[in-house]
Amino acid sequence: MSEREYVMLDRTGRVQLPHKFLEALGMERRVAVDLAADHIEVRRDDHDPDGDRGGPAADSVTFAPRGSLRPRG
């Protein structure tokens, strides 16, 4: 899957992700956030307290510099 949309980063650092991205990756409620050298990845939480195992690590949304948003998977 490869698709790009642009989103706004608010003053407190919040980003509202497109619903279709979240739905495609099965992301609900809590997510895991990983910081890499040049981007931020948001992925399903592998330790969801409700028992919903996150799935493969490749199911993520990556935030890279200059506002690009790249779903991976």
N, C-alpha and C. Protein backbone atom coordinates (compact mmCIF):
# COMPACT_ATOMS: atom_id res chain seq x y z
N MET A 1 0.86 -1.17 0.00
CA MET A 1 0.00 0.00 0.00
C MET A 1 0.90 1.23 0.00
N SER A 2 0.55 2.19 -0.81
CA SER A 2 1.30 3.44 -0.82
C SER A 2 0.34 4.58 -1.14
N GLU A 3 0.21 5.49 -0.23
CA GLU A 3 -0.68 6.62 -0.41
C GLU A 3 -0.17 7.76 0.44
N ARG A 4 -0.38 8.99 0.00
CA ARG A 4 0.09 10.15 0.75
C ARG A 4 -1.05 11.14 0.94
N GLU A 5 -1.14 11.67 2.14
CA GLU A 5 -2.02 12.79 2.45
C GLU A 5 -1.22 13.73 3.35
N TYR A 6 -1.58 15.00 3.34
CA TYR A 6 -0.91 15.96 4.21
C TYR A 6 -1.85 16.30 5.36
N VAL A 7 -1.29 16.38 6.55
CA VAL A 7 -2.06 16.68 7.76
C VAL A 7 -1.38 17.82 8.49
N MET A 8 -2.10 18.45 9.39
CA MET A 8 -1.56 19.57 10.16
C MET A 8 -1.03 19.08 11.50
N LEU A 9 0.06 19.67 11.91
CA LEU A 9 0.63 19.44 13.23
C LEU A 9 0.25 20.64 14.07
N ASP A 10 -0.49 20.43 15.17
CA ASP A 10 -0.93 21.59 15.96
C ASP A 10 0.16 22.02 16.95
N ARG A 11 -0.11 23.10 17.67
CA ARG A 11 0.90 23.67 18.57
C ARG A 11 1.36 22.73 19.68
N THR A 12 0.52 21.77 20.04
CA THR A 12 0.89 20.84 21.10
C THR A 12 1.49 19.55 20.55
N GLY A 13 1.68 19.47 19.23
CA GLY A 13 2.30 18.30 18.62
C GLY A 13 1.32 17.22 18.19
N ARG A 14 0.04 17.51 18.23
CA ARG A 14 -0.96 16.51 17.83
C ARG A 14 -1.16 16.51 16.32
N VAL A 15 -1.41 15.32 15.79
CA VAL A 15 -1.69 15.13 14.37
C VAL A 15 -2.95 14.29 14.28
N GLN A 16 -3.88 14.69 13.43
CA GLN A 16 -5.07 13.87 13.20
C GLN A 16 -4.83 13.07 11.93
N LEU A 17 -4.72 11.75 12.09
CA LEU A 17 -4.43 10.88 10.96
C LEU A 17 -5.71 10.61 10.16
N PRO A 18 -5.58 10.47 8.85
CA PRO A 18 -6.75 10.18 8.02
C PRO A 18 -7.41 8.86 8.46
N HIS A 19 -8.72 8.89 8.58
CA HIS A 19 -9.47 7.72 9.04
C HIS A 19 -9.19 6.50 8.17
N LYS A 20 -9.10 6.70 6.86
CA LYS A 20 -8.88 5.55 5.97
C LYS A 20 -7.52 4.90 6.22
N PHE A 21 -6.51 5.67 6.65
CA PHE A 21 -5.21 5.08 6.99
C PHE A 21 -5.36 4.20 8.24
N LEU A 22 -6.00 4.75 9.26
CA LEU A 22 -6.18 4.02 10.51
C LEU A 22 -6.99 2.75 10.29
N GLU A 23 -8.04 2.87 9.51
CA GLU A 23 -8.90 1.72 9.22
C GLU A 23 -8.14 0.66 8.44
N ALA A 24 -7.36 1.06 7.44
CA ALA A 24 -6.61 0.11 6.62
C ALA A 24 -5.59 -0.67 7.44
N LEU A 25 -5.03 -0.05 8.48
CA LEU A 25 -4.02 -0.70 9.30
C LEU A 25 -4.59 -1.27 10.60
N GLY A 26 -5.89 -1.14 10.81
CA GLY A 26 -6.53 -1.69 12.01
C GLY A 26 -6.11 -1.00 13.28
N MET A 27 -5.81 0.30 13.21
CA MET A 27 -5.39 1.04 14.40
C MET A 27 -6.61 1.59 15.13
N GLU A 28 -6.69 1.27 16.42
CA GLU A 28 -7.79 1.76 17.25
C GLU A 28 -7.24 2.11 18.63
N ARG A 29 -7.84 3.06 19.27
CA ARG A 29 -7.51 3.47 20.63
C ARG A 29 -6.04 3.83 20.80
N ARG A 30 -5.26 2.92 21.33
CA ARG A 30 -3.87 3.17 21.68
C ARG A 30 -2.94 2.70 20.56
N VAL A 31 -1.88 3.48 20.29
CA VAL A 31 -0.88 3.12 19.28
C VAL A 31 0.51 3.25 19.90
N ALA A 32 1.49 2.62 19.28
CA ALA A 32 2.89 2.75 19.70
C ALA A 32 3.56 3.77 18.78
N VAL A 33 4.46 4.58 19.34
CA VAL A 33 5.17 5.61 18.58
C VAL A 33 6.67 5.34 18.73
N ASP A 34 7.37 5.25 17.61
CA ASP A 34 8.82 5.00 17.61
C ASP A 34 9.53 6.16 16.94
N LEU A 35 10.63 6.63 17.56
CA LEU A 35 11.45 7.69 16.99
C LEU A 35 12.67 7.07 16.34
N ALA A 36 12.87 7.38 15.06
CA ALA A 36 14.06 6.96 14.33
C ALA A 36 14.89 8.21 14.04
N ALA A 37 16.03 8.04 13.39
CA ALA A 37 16.93 9.16 13.14
C ALA A 37 16.28 10.25 12.30
N ASP A 38 15.41 9.88 11.34
CA ASP A 38 14.87 10.88 10.43
C ASP A 38 13.36 10.82 10.26
N HIS A 39 12.65 10.08 11.12
CA HIS A 39 11.20 10.01 11.01
C HIS A 39 10.59 9.47 12.31
N ILE A 40 9.26 9.55 12.38
CA ILE A 40 8.49 9.01 13.50
C ILE A 40 7.54 7.96 12.92
N GLU A 41 7.49 6.79 13.54
CA GLU A 41 6.56 5.75 13.10
C GLU A 41 5.45 5.59 14.13
N VAL A 42 4.23 5.46 13.63
CA VAL A 42 3.07 5.19 14.48
C VAL A 42 2.55 3.82 14.05
N ARG A 43 2.45 2.90 15.00
CA ARG A 43 2.00 1.55 14.67
C ARG A 43 0.99 1.06 15.70
N ARG A 44 0.28 0.01 15.33
CA ARG A 44 -0.66 -0.59 16.27
C ARG A 44 0.09 -1.02 17.52
N ASP A 45 -0.56 -0.90 18.66
CA ASP A 45 0.04 -1.29 19.93
C ASP A 45 0.03 -2.81 20.04
N ASP A 46 1.21 -3.41 20.16
CA ASP A 46 1.31 -4.86 20.29
C ASP A 46 0.86 -5.36 21.65
N HIS A 47 0.69 -4.44 22.61
CA HIS A 47 0.31 -4.83 23.97
C HIS A 47 -0.98 -4.16 24.38
N ASP A 48 -1.96 -4.15 23.48
CA ASP A 48 -3.25 -3.54 23.76
C ASP A 48 -3.88 -4.23 24.96
N PRO A 49 -4.25 -3.48 26.01
CA PRO A 49 -4.82 -4.09 27.21
C PRO A 49 -6.14 -4.82 26.96
N ASP A 50 -6.80 -4.55 25.83
CA ASP A 50 -8.06 -5.24 25.51
C ASP A 50 -7.82 -6.55 24.78
N GLY A 51 -6.54 -6.93 24.61
CA GLY A 51 -6.24 -8.21 24.00
C GLY A 51 -6.11 -8.19 22.49
N ASP A 52 -6.24 -7.04 21.85
CA ASP A 52 -6.11 -6.95 20.40
C ASP A 52 -4.64 -6.88 20.06
N ARG A 53 -4.04 -7.99 19.70
CA ARG A 53 -2.61 -8.03 19.37
C ARG A 53 -2.38 -7.20 18.12
N GLY A 54 -1.36 -6.40 18.12
CA GLY A 54 -1.10 -5.46 17.06
C GLY A 54 -0.84 -6.03 15.69
N GLY A 55 -0.20 -7.17 15.58
CA GLY A 55 0.10 -7.72 14.27
C GLY A 55 1.52 -7.41 13.84
N PRO A 56 1.79 -7.61 12.56
CA PRO A 56 3.16 -7.44 12.08
C PRO A 56 3.68 -6.03 12.25
N ALA A 57 4.97 -5.92 12.53
CA ALA A 57 5.59 -4.61 12.75
C ALA A 57 5.55 -3.75 11.50
N ALA A 58 5.38 -4.33 10.32
CA ALA A 58 5.37 -3.54 9.08
C ALA A 58 4.10 -2.71 8.94
N ASP A 59 3.07 -2.98 9.72
CA ASP A 59 1.83 -2.22 9.66
C ASP A 59 2.01 -0.94 10.46
N SER A 60 2.43 0.13 9.77
CA SER A 60 2.70 1.38 10.45
C SER A 60 2.47 2.56 9.54
N VAL A 61 2.44 3.73 10.14
CA VAL A 61 2.41 4.99 9.42
C VAL A 61 3.69 5.71 9.80
N THR A 62 4.44 6.20 8.81
CA THR A 62 5.72 6.86 9.07
C THR A 62 5.62 8.35 8.82
N PHE A 63 6.08 9.16 9.76
CA PHE A 63 6.16 10.60 9.61
C PHE A 63 7.61 10.94 9.34
N ALA A 64 7.89 11.56 8.20
CA ALA A 64 9.26 11.93 7.85
C ALA A 64 9.36 13.45 7.74
N PRO A 65 10.56 13.99 7.72
CA PRO A 65 10.72 15.44 7.62
C PRO A 65 10.01 16.02 6.41
N ARG A 66 9.74 17.30 6.47
CA ARG A 66 9.05 18.07 5.44
C ARG A 66 7.58 17.68 5.31
N GLY A 67 6.98 17.11 6.34
CA GLY A 67 5.55 16.85 6.37
C GLY A 67 5.08 15.68 5.56
N SER A 68 5.96 14.87 5.02
CA SER A 68 5.49 13.73 4.22
C SER A 68 4.96 12.65 5.15
N LEU A 69 3.98 11.95 4.69
CA LEU A 69 3.34 10.87 5.45
C LEU A 69 3.31 9.66 4.55
N ARG A 70 3.97 8.58 4.99
CA ARG A 70 4.05 7.40 4.15
C ARG A 70 3.55 6.19 4.90
N PRO A 71 2.41 5.61 4.51
CA PRO A 71 2.02 4.33 5.13
C PRO A 71 2.95 3.23 4.65
N ARG A 72 3.32 2.34 5.53
CA ARG A 72 4.16 1.21 5.14
C ARG A 72 3.40 -0.07 5.38
N GLY A 73 3.72 -1.09 4.63
CA GLY A 73 3.10 -2.37 4.87
C GLY A 73 3.12 -3.27 3.68
